Amino acid sequence: MPRVAVRGLLLVDDRLLLVNAFPGHSSDLLCAPGGGVEPHASLPDNLQREFHEETGLVVSVGAPCLIN
């Protein structure tokens, strides 16, 4: 079964927000905030939840920029 995930791009003053991809900073891999979706929530709702969990920010979700 494929894993469905969401990621969000936040640009401020031409700077892209990235977060450490692993708990406890056990790697130096950085990526856009996001993660796996909960099955009974919309993709935008999942992205808002993941963004808040990883950054503490409350965001509004715009149109998709990539579906892969």
N, C-alpha and C. Protein backbone atom coordinates (compact mmCIF):
# COMPACT_ATOMS: atom_id res chain seq x y z
N MET A 1 0.85 -1.18 0.00
CA MET A 1 0.00 0.00 0.00
C MET A 1 0.90 1.25 0.00
N PRO A 2 0.70 2.15 -0.94
CA PRO A 2 1.51 3.39 -0.96
C PRO A 2 1.22 4.26 0.26
N ARG A 3 2.24 4.97 0.70
CA ARG A 3 2.09 5.91 1.82
C ARG A 3 1.77 7.28 1.24
N VAL A 4 0.67 7.85 1.69
CA VAL A 4 0.28 9.19 1.25
C VAL A 4 0.85 10.19 2.24
N ALA A 5 1.53 11.21 1.71
CA ALA A 5 2.15 12.23 2.57
C ALA A 5 1.94 13.60 1.95
N VAL A 6 2.08 14.62 2.76
CA VAL A 6 1.98 16.01 2.31
C VAL A 6 3.23 16.75 2.75
N ARG A 7 3.62 17.75 1.98
CA ARG A 7 4.73 18.64 2.32
C ARG A 7 4.30 20.05 1.94
N GLY A 8 4.77 21.03 2.69
CA GLY A 8 4.40 22.42 2.41
C GLY A 8 5.62 23.27 2.16
N LEU A 9 5.50 24.17 1.20
CA LEU A 9 6.58 25.11 0.90
C LEU A 9 6.21 26.46 1.47
N LEU A 10 7.06 26.99 2.33
CA LEU A 10 6.85 28.31 2.91
C LEU A 10 8.02 29.19 2.51
N LEU A 11 7.72 30.22 1.71
CA LEU A 11 8.73 31.17 1.26
C LEU A 11 8.50 32.50 1.95
N VAL A 12 9.55 33.03 2.57
CA VAL A 12 9.51 34.35 3.20
C VAL A 12 10.76 35.09 2.77
N ASP A 13 10.58 36.23 2.12
CA ASP A 13 11.73 37.03 1.65
C ASP A 13 12.70 36.18 0.84
N ASP A 14 12.17 35.40 -0.10
CA ASP A 14 12.98 34.52 -0.97
C ASP A 14 13.76 33.46 -0.20
N ARG A 15 13.30 33.12 0.99
CA ARG A 15 13.94 32.07 1.79
C ARG A 15 12.94 30.94 1.99
N LEU A 16 13.39 29.71 1.80
CA LEU A 16 12.55 28.52 1.93
C LEU A 16 12.75 27.90 3.31
N LEU A 17 11.65 27.66 4.02
CA LEU A 17 11.72 27.02 5.33
C LEU A 17 11.92 25.52 5.15
N LEU A 18 12.96 24.98 5.80
CA LEU A 18 13.24 23.55 5.82
C LEU A 18 13.38 23.11 7.26
N VAL A 19 13.05 21.85 7.52
CA VAL A 19 13.17 21.28 8.86
C VAL A 19 14.03 20.03 8.80
N ASN A 20 14.59 19.64 9.95
CA ASN A 20 15.33 18.39 10.02
C ASN A 20 14.35 17.25 9.85
N ALA A 21 14.69 16.29 9.01
CA ALA A 21 13.75 15.23 8.66
C ALA A 21 13.65 14.12 9.70
N PHE A 22 14.53 14.10 10.70
CA PHE A 22 14.54 13.00 11.66
C PHE A 22 14.41 13.51 13.08
N PRO A 23 13.64 12.79 13.92
CA PRO A 23 13.53 13.18 15.32
C PRO A 23 14.90 13.16 15.99
N GLY A 24 15.12 14.12 16.87
CA GLY A 24 16.37 14.18 17.59
C GLY A 24 17.55 14.60 16.74
N HIS A 25 17.25 15.11 15.56
CA HIS A 25 18.30 15.58 14.64
C HIS A 25 19.37 14.51 14.41
N SER A 26 18.92 13.25 14.24
CA SER A 26 19.86 12.15 14.06
C SER A 26 20.44 12.11 12.65
N SER A 27 20.04 13.04 11.80
CA SER A 27 20.56 13.14 10.44
C SER A 27 20.67 14.62 10.09
N ASP A 28 21.44 14.91 9.07
CA ASP A 28 21.50 16.31 8.62
C ASP A 28 20.62 16.54 7.39
N LEU A 29 19.72 15.60 7.10
CA LEU A 29 18.79 15.74 5.98
C LEU A 29 17.72 16.77 6.31
N LEU A 30 17.56 17.77 5.45
CA LEU A 30 16.53 18.79 5.61
C LEU A 30 15.48 18.62 4.53
N CYS A 31 14.22 18.93 4.87
CA CYS A 31 13.14 18.83 3.89
C CYS A 31 12.05 19.83 4.25
N ALA A 32 11.10 19.98 3.36
CA ALA A 32 9.95 20.84 3.63
C ALA A 32 9.10 20.19 4.73
N PRO A 33 8.48 21.00 5.60
CA PRO A 33 7.65 20.44 6.66
C PRO A 33 6.50 19.61 6.09
N GLY A 34 6.17 18.53 6.78
CA GLY A 34 5.06 17.69 6.36
C GLY A 34 5.23 16.28 6.87
N GLY A 35 4.40 15.37 6.36
CA GLY A 35 4.48 13.99 6.79
C GLY A 35 3.27 13.21 6.35
N GLY A 36 3.11 12.04 6.91
CA GLY A 36 2.03 11.14 6.55
C GLY A 36 0.66 11.70 6.90
N VAL A 37 -0.33 11.32 6.10
CA VAL A 37 -1.68 11.83 6.30
C VAL A 37 -2.50 10.88 7.16
N GLU A 38 -3.43 11.46 7.90
CA GLU A 38 -4.43 10.68 8.62
C GLU A 38 -5.58 10.45 7.65
N PRO A 39 -6.07 9.21 7.54
CA PRO A 39 -6.99 8.85 6.45
C PRO A 39 -8.31 9.61 6.36
N HIS A 40 -8.84 10.10 7.46
CA HIS A 40 -10.16 10.74 7.38
C HIS A 40 -10.10 12.25 7.47
N ALA A 41 -8.94 12.83 7.17
CA ALA A 41 -8.79 14.28 7.13
C ALA A 41 -8.35 14.68 5.72
N SER A 42 -8.71 15.88 5.33
CA SER A 42 -8.33 16.37 4.00
C SER A 42 -6.83 16.59 3.91
N LEU A 43 -6.30 16.65 2.70
CA LEU A 43 -4.88 16.92 2.54
C LEU A 43 -4.49 18.28 3.12
N PRO A 44 -5.26 19.37 2.87
CA PRO A 44 -4.92 20.65 3.51
C PRO A 44 -4.94 20.58 5.04
N ASP A 45 -5.92 19.88 5.61
CA ASP A 45 -5.98 19.76 7.07
C ASP A 45 -4.77 18.98 7.60
N ASN A 46 -4.38 17.92 6.90
CA ASN A 46 -3.20 17.17 7.30
C ASN A 46 -1.95 18.03 7.22
N LEU A 47 -1.83 18.84 6.18
CA LEU A 47 -0.66 19.69 6.03
C LEU A 47 -0.61 20.74 7.15
N GLN A 48 -1.73 21.33 7.47
CA GLN A 48 -1.75 22.30 8.57
C GLN A 48 -1.32 21.64 9.88
N ARG A 49 -1.81 20.44 10.14
CA ARG A 49 -1.45 19.71 11.37
C ARG A 49 0.04 19.41 11.39
N GLU A 50 0.56 18.87 10.30
CA GLU A 50 1.98 18.52 10.24
C GLU A 50 2.86 19.77 10.37
N PHE A 51 2.47 20.85 9.71
CA PHE A 51 3.25 22.09 9.77
C PHE A 51 3.33 22.58 11.21
N HIS A 52 2.19 22.55 11.91
CA HIS A 52 2.16 23.01 13.29
C HIS A 52 2.99 22.10 14.19
N GLU A 53 2.89 20.77 13.99
CA GLU A 53 3.66 19.83 14.80
C GLU A 53 5.16 20.07 14.66
N GLU A 54 5.60 20.35 13.43
CA GLU A 54 7.03 20.44 13.16
C GLU A 54 7.62 21.83 13.37
N THR A 55 6.80 22.87 13.26
CA THR A 55 7.35 24.23 13.33
C THR A 55 6.69 25.10 14.39
N GLY A 56 5.51 24.73 14.85
CA GLY A 56 4.76 25.58 15.77
C GLY A 56 3.99 26.68 15.07
N LEU A 57 4.08 26.72 13.74
CA LEU A 57 3.40 27.76 12.96
C LEU A 57 1.99 27.33 12.58
N VAL A 58 1.07 28.29 12.54
CA VAL A 58 -0.27 28.07 12.02
C VAL A 58 -0.29 28.65 10.62
N VAL A 59 -0.56 27.82 9.62
CA VAL A 59 -0.49 28.25 8.23
C VAL A 59 -1.82 28.05 7.53
N SER A 60 -2.03 28.78 6.46
CA SER A 60 -3.15 28.49 5.56
C SER A 60 -2.54 27.84 4.33
N VAL A 61 -3.27 26.93 3.75
CA VAL A 61 -2.77 26.12 2.65
C VAL A 61 -3.33 26.65 1.34
N GLY A 62 -2.43 26.89 0.38
CA GLY A 62 -2.82 27.37 -0.95
C GLY A 62 -2.97 26.20 -1.91
N ALA A 63 -2.94 26.51 -3.17
CA ALA A 63 -3.08 25.52 -4.23
C ALA A 63 -1.85 24.61 -4.27
N PRO A 64 -2.04 23.36 -4.67
CA PRO A 64 -0.89 22.46 -4.79
C PRO A 64 0.10 22.97 -5.84
N CYS A 65 1.39 22.75 -5.57
CA CYS A 65 2.41 23.11 -6.55
C CYS A 65 3.03 21.88 -7.18
N LEU A 66 2.84 20.71 -6.57
CA LEU A 66 3.36 19.46 -7.11
C LEU A 66 2.57 18.30 -6.54
N ILE A 67 2.20 17.39 -7.40
CA ILE A 67 1.58 16.12 -6.97
C ILE A 67 2.43 15.03 -7.58
N ASN A 68 2.94 14.16 -6.73
CA ASN A 68 3.86 13.14 -7.20
C ASN A 68 3.39 11.77 -6.77
